[in-house]
Amino acid sequence: MPEAPEITEMRKHGDNREYVLKTVNENGKLLDFAAEEFHNDREIVLDAVKNNPEALEFASANLKKDREIVYESVSKLGWTYCYARGKILEDRELLISGLKINGQILYYSIPEMRDDKEVVKLAVENKPIIIKYASSRLKNDKEIGLIAVQKDKSSFKFLGEELKQDEEIKEIVNS
């Protein structure tokens, strides 16, 4: 199957900054085919991500630590949180912006976030089975456990042992 014309053009002109900037404003994912130096160009990457949040994948490791760029993507797609690197993984607001869209990203969060009740509650409301990745303490939190099993009974197997003995929880699962 022949390559898409826009990819061919980006490969041909991908070392020209003006061309790359104009092109990623129209199709952010074409950043993938630009010269490597532009994957670390903040203006180009931010424009690419604004056009298509999935373009975060093609940012340099350095720019995957840039809060503005990562927030621009994660707040729109959620799952792109998996590309975040460095200190921004400690950014609770960033994680919450993504969890509102995709609870699965709790998997990529740091241990401190997995022990934050508000963070875990939001994740479980969005994707109940993600309780599997909560801290041991929160796997035994009744409020979170109730949310999980009310939305998806199969999440019962990931609750803490103490919570699995709770009569209200067992009643929901067995109903």
Protein backbone atom coordinates (compact mmCIF):
# COMPACT_ATOMS: atom_id res chain seq x y z
CA MET A 1 0.00 0.00 0.00
CA PRO A 2 1.52 3.34 -0.96
CA GLU A 3 2.41 5.87 1.70
CA ALA A 4 -0.05 8.70 2.28
CA PRO A 5 0.97 11.82 0.33
CA GLU A 6 1.14 13.99 3.46
CA ILE A 7 3.64 11.55 5.02
CA THR A 8 5.74 11.56 1.87
CA GLU A 9 5.73 15.36 1.87
CA MET A 10 6.70 15.53 5.55
CA ARG A 11 9.58 13.12 4.94
CA LYS A 12 10.68 15.31 2.04
CA HIS A 13 10.39 18.66 3.87
CA GLY A 14 10.60 17.48 7.48
CA ASP A 15 13.88 19.31 8.09
CA ASN A 16 12.30 22.69 7.28
CA ARG A 17 11.00 24.27 10.48
CA GLU A 18 8.41 26.51 8.81
CA TYR A 19 7.02 23.61 6.81
CA VAL A 20 6.84 21.37 9.90
CA LEU A 21 5.17 24.06 12.00
CA LYS A 22 2.53 24.72 9.33
CA THR A 23 1.93 21.01 8.75
CA VAL A 24 1.56 19.93 12.40
CA ASN A 25 -0.98 22.72 12.85
CA GLU A 26 -3.06 20.90 10.24
CA ASN A 27 -2.23 17.32 11.27
CA GLY A 28 -0.41 16.94 14.58
CA LYS A 29 0.42 13.27 14.13
CA LEU A 30 2.69 14.13 11.21
CA LEU A 31 5.20 15.17 13.86
CA ASP A 32 6.20 11.50 13.79
CA PHE A 33 7.74 12.01 10.33
CA ALA A 34 9.47 15.33 10.96
CA ALA A 35 13.21 15.58 11.54
CA GLU A 36 14.18 14.40 15.03
CA GLU A 37 15.24 17.87 16.14
CA PHE A 38 11.63 19.05 15.89
CA HIS A 39 10.46 16.41 18.36
CA ASN A 40 12.25 18.55 20.95
CA ASP A 41 11.05 21.92 19.61
CA ARG A 42 8.55 23.16 22.19
CA GLU A 43 6.54 25.36 19.83
CA ILE A 44 6.19 22.65 17.19
CA VAL A 45 5.28 19.93 19.69
CA LEU A 46 2.75 22.12 21.50
CA ASP A 47 1.08 23.01 18.21
CA ALA A 48 1.05 19.35 17.16
CA VAL A 49 -0.55 18.31 20.46
CA LYS A 50 -3.11 21.12 20.25
CA ASN A 51 -4.10 19.83 16.81
CA ASN A 52 -4.07 16.17 17.84
CA PRO A 53 -3.47 15.18 21.48
CA GLU A 54 -2.10 11.81 20.34
CA ALA A 55 0.95 13.63 18.95
CA LEU A 56 2.37 13.62 22.50
CA GLU A 57 3.67 10.16 21.63
CA PHE A 58 6.17 11.73 19.23
CA ALA A 59 7.48 14.42 21.58
CA SER A 60 11.01 14.08 22.90
CA ALA A 61 11.50 12.57 26.36
CA ASN A 62 12.34 16.08 27.54
CA LEU A 63 9.04 17.56 26.32
CA LYS A 64 7.08 14.67 27.84
CA LYS A 65 8.09 16.34 31.13
CA ASP A 66 6.63 19.70 30.08
CA ARG A 67 3.42 20.28 32.03
CA GLU A 68 1.73 22.54 29.49
CA ILE A 69 2.30 20.14 26.63
CA VAL A 70 1.30 17.05 28.61
CA TYR A 71 -1.76 18.76 30.12
CA GLU A 72 -2.89 19.85 26.65
CA SER A 73 -2.98 16.19 25.65
CA VAL A 74 -4.06 14.43 28.85
CA SER A 75 -6.93 16.80 29.59
CA LYS A 76 -8.45 15.91 26.22
CA LEU A 77 -7.69 12.20 25.89
CA GLY A 78 -6.72 10.90 29.30
CA TRP A 79 -4.88 7.81 28.11
CA THR A 80 -1.94 9.85 26.83
CA TYR A 81 -0.90 10.20 30.49
CA CYS A 82 1.10 7.04 29.80
CA TYR A 83 3.61 9.22 27.91
CA ALA A 84 4.18 11.63 30.82
CA ARG A 85 7.64 11.58 32.36
CA GLY A 86 9.52 13.02 35.30
CA LYS A 87 8.22 15.29 38.04
CA ILE A 88 4.88 15.91 36.37
CA LEU A 89 3.85 12.42 37.46
CA GLU A 90 3.59 14.02 40.92
CA ASP A 91 1.11 16.59 39.56
CA ARG A 92 -2.23 15.62 41.06
CA GLU A 93 -4.21 18.11 38.95
CA LEU A 94 -2.74 16.67 35.76
CA LEU A 95 -3.66 13.13 36.78
CA ILE A 96 -7.17 14.16 37.80
CA SER A 97 -7.71 15.89 34.44
CA GLY A 98 -6.98 12.60 32.71
CA LEU A 99 -8.90 10.41 35.17
CA LYS A 100 -12.05 12.35 34.37
CA ILE A 101 -11.78 10.86 30.90
CA ASN A 102 -10.04 7.54 31.48
CA GLY A 103 -9.79 5.79 34.86
CA GLN A 104 -7.35 3.26 33.43
CA ILE A 105 -4.50 5.76 33.71
CA LEU A 106 -4.28 5.13 37.45
CA TYR A 107 -2.08 2.24 36.31
CA TYR A 108 0.61 4.73 35.19
CA SER A 109 0.47 6.86 38.31
CA ILE A 110 3.04 6.94 41.09
CA PRO A 111 2.37 5.07 44.37
CA GLU A 112 1.47 8.26 46.25
CA MET A 113 -1.37 8.92 43.81
CA ARG A 114 -2.62 5.35 44.17
CA ASP A 115 -3.03 6.08 47.89
CA ASP A 116 -4.95 9.35 47.39
CA LYS A 117 -8.62 8.65 48.09
CA GLU A 118 -10.01 11.34 45.78
CA VAL A 119 -7.77 10.21 42.92
CA VAL A 120 -8.63 6.53 43.34
CA LYS A 121 -12.33 7.25 43.77
CA LEU A 122 -12.38 9.18 40.50
CA ALA A 123 -10.51 6.36 38.73
CA VAL A 124 -12.86 3.69 40.09
CA GLU A 125 -15.96 5.72 39.18
CA ASN A 126 -14.64 5.81 35.62
CA LYS A 127 -13.25 2.25 35.48
CA PRO A 128 -14.19 0.09 38.48
CA ILE A 129 -11.72 -2.73 37.86
CA ILE A 130 -8.82 -0.27 38.20
CA ILE A 131 -9.18 -0.71 41.95
CA LYS A 132 -6.64 -3.47 41.31
CA TYR A 133 -3.94 -0.76 41.20
CA ALA A 134 -5.06 1.19 44.27
CA SER A 135 -2.98 1.08 47.44
CA SER A 136 -3.70 -1.72 49.91
CA ARG A 137 -5.29 0.84 52.21
CA LEU A 138 -7.75 2.01 49.55
CA LYS A 139 -8.53 -1.52 48.37
CA ASN A 140 -10.05 -1.86 51.85
CA ASP A 141 -11.92 1.47 51.77
CA LYS A 142 -15.65 0.71 51.90
CA GLU A 143 -16.77 3.79 49.98
CA ILE A 144 -14.42 3.00 47.09
CA GLY A 145 -15.21 -0.71 47.27
CA LEU A 146 -18.94 -0.02 47.05
CA ILE A 147 -18.47 2.17 43.99
CA ALA A 148 -16.39 -0.54 42.32
CA VAL A 149 -18.74 -3.49 42.91
CA GLN A 150 -21.89 -1.48 42.19
CA LYS A 151 -20.51 -0.59 38.78
CA ASP A 152 -18.77 -3.90 38.04
CA LYS A 153 -19.16 -6.96 40.22
CA SER A 154 -16.02 -8.52 38.77
CA SER A 155 -13.96 -5.86 40.57
CA PHE A 156 -14.72 -7.75 43.82
CA LYS A 157 -11.69 -9.98 43.26
CA PHE A 158 -9.41 -6.94 43.53
CA LEU A 159 -10.77 -5.64 46.82
CA GLY A 160 -8.74 -5.97 49.99
CA GLU A 161 -9.29 -9.11 52.06
CA GLU A 162 -10.99 -7.17 54.85
CA LEU A 163 -13.46 -5.58 52.47
CA LYS A 164 -14.27 -8.91 50.83
CA GLN A 165 -15.75 -9.95 54.20
CA ASP A 166 -18.09 -6.95 54.38
CA GLU A 167 -21.75 -8.07 54.33
CA GLU A 168 -22.97 -5.11 52.24
CA ILE A 169 -20.28 -5.71 49.64
CA LYS A 170 -21.02 -9.46 49.50
CA GLU A 171 -24.74 -8.75 49.16
CA ILE A 172 -24.16 -6.56 46.10
CA VAL A 173 -21.86 -9.10 44.48
CA ASN A 174 -24.25 -11.99 45.12
CA SER A 175 -27.36 -10.17 43.90
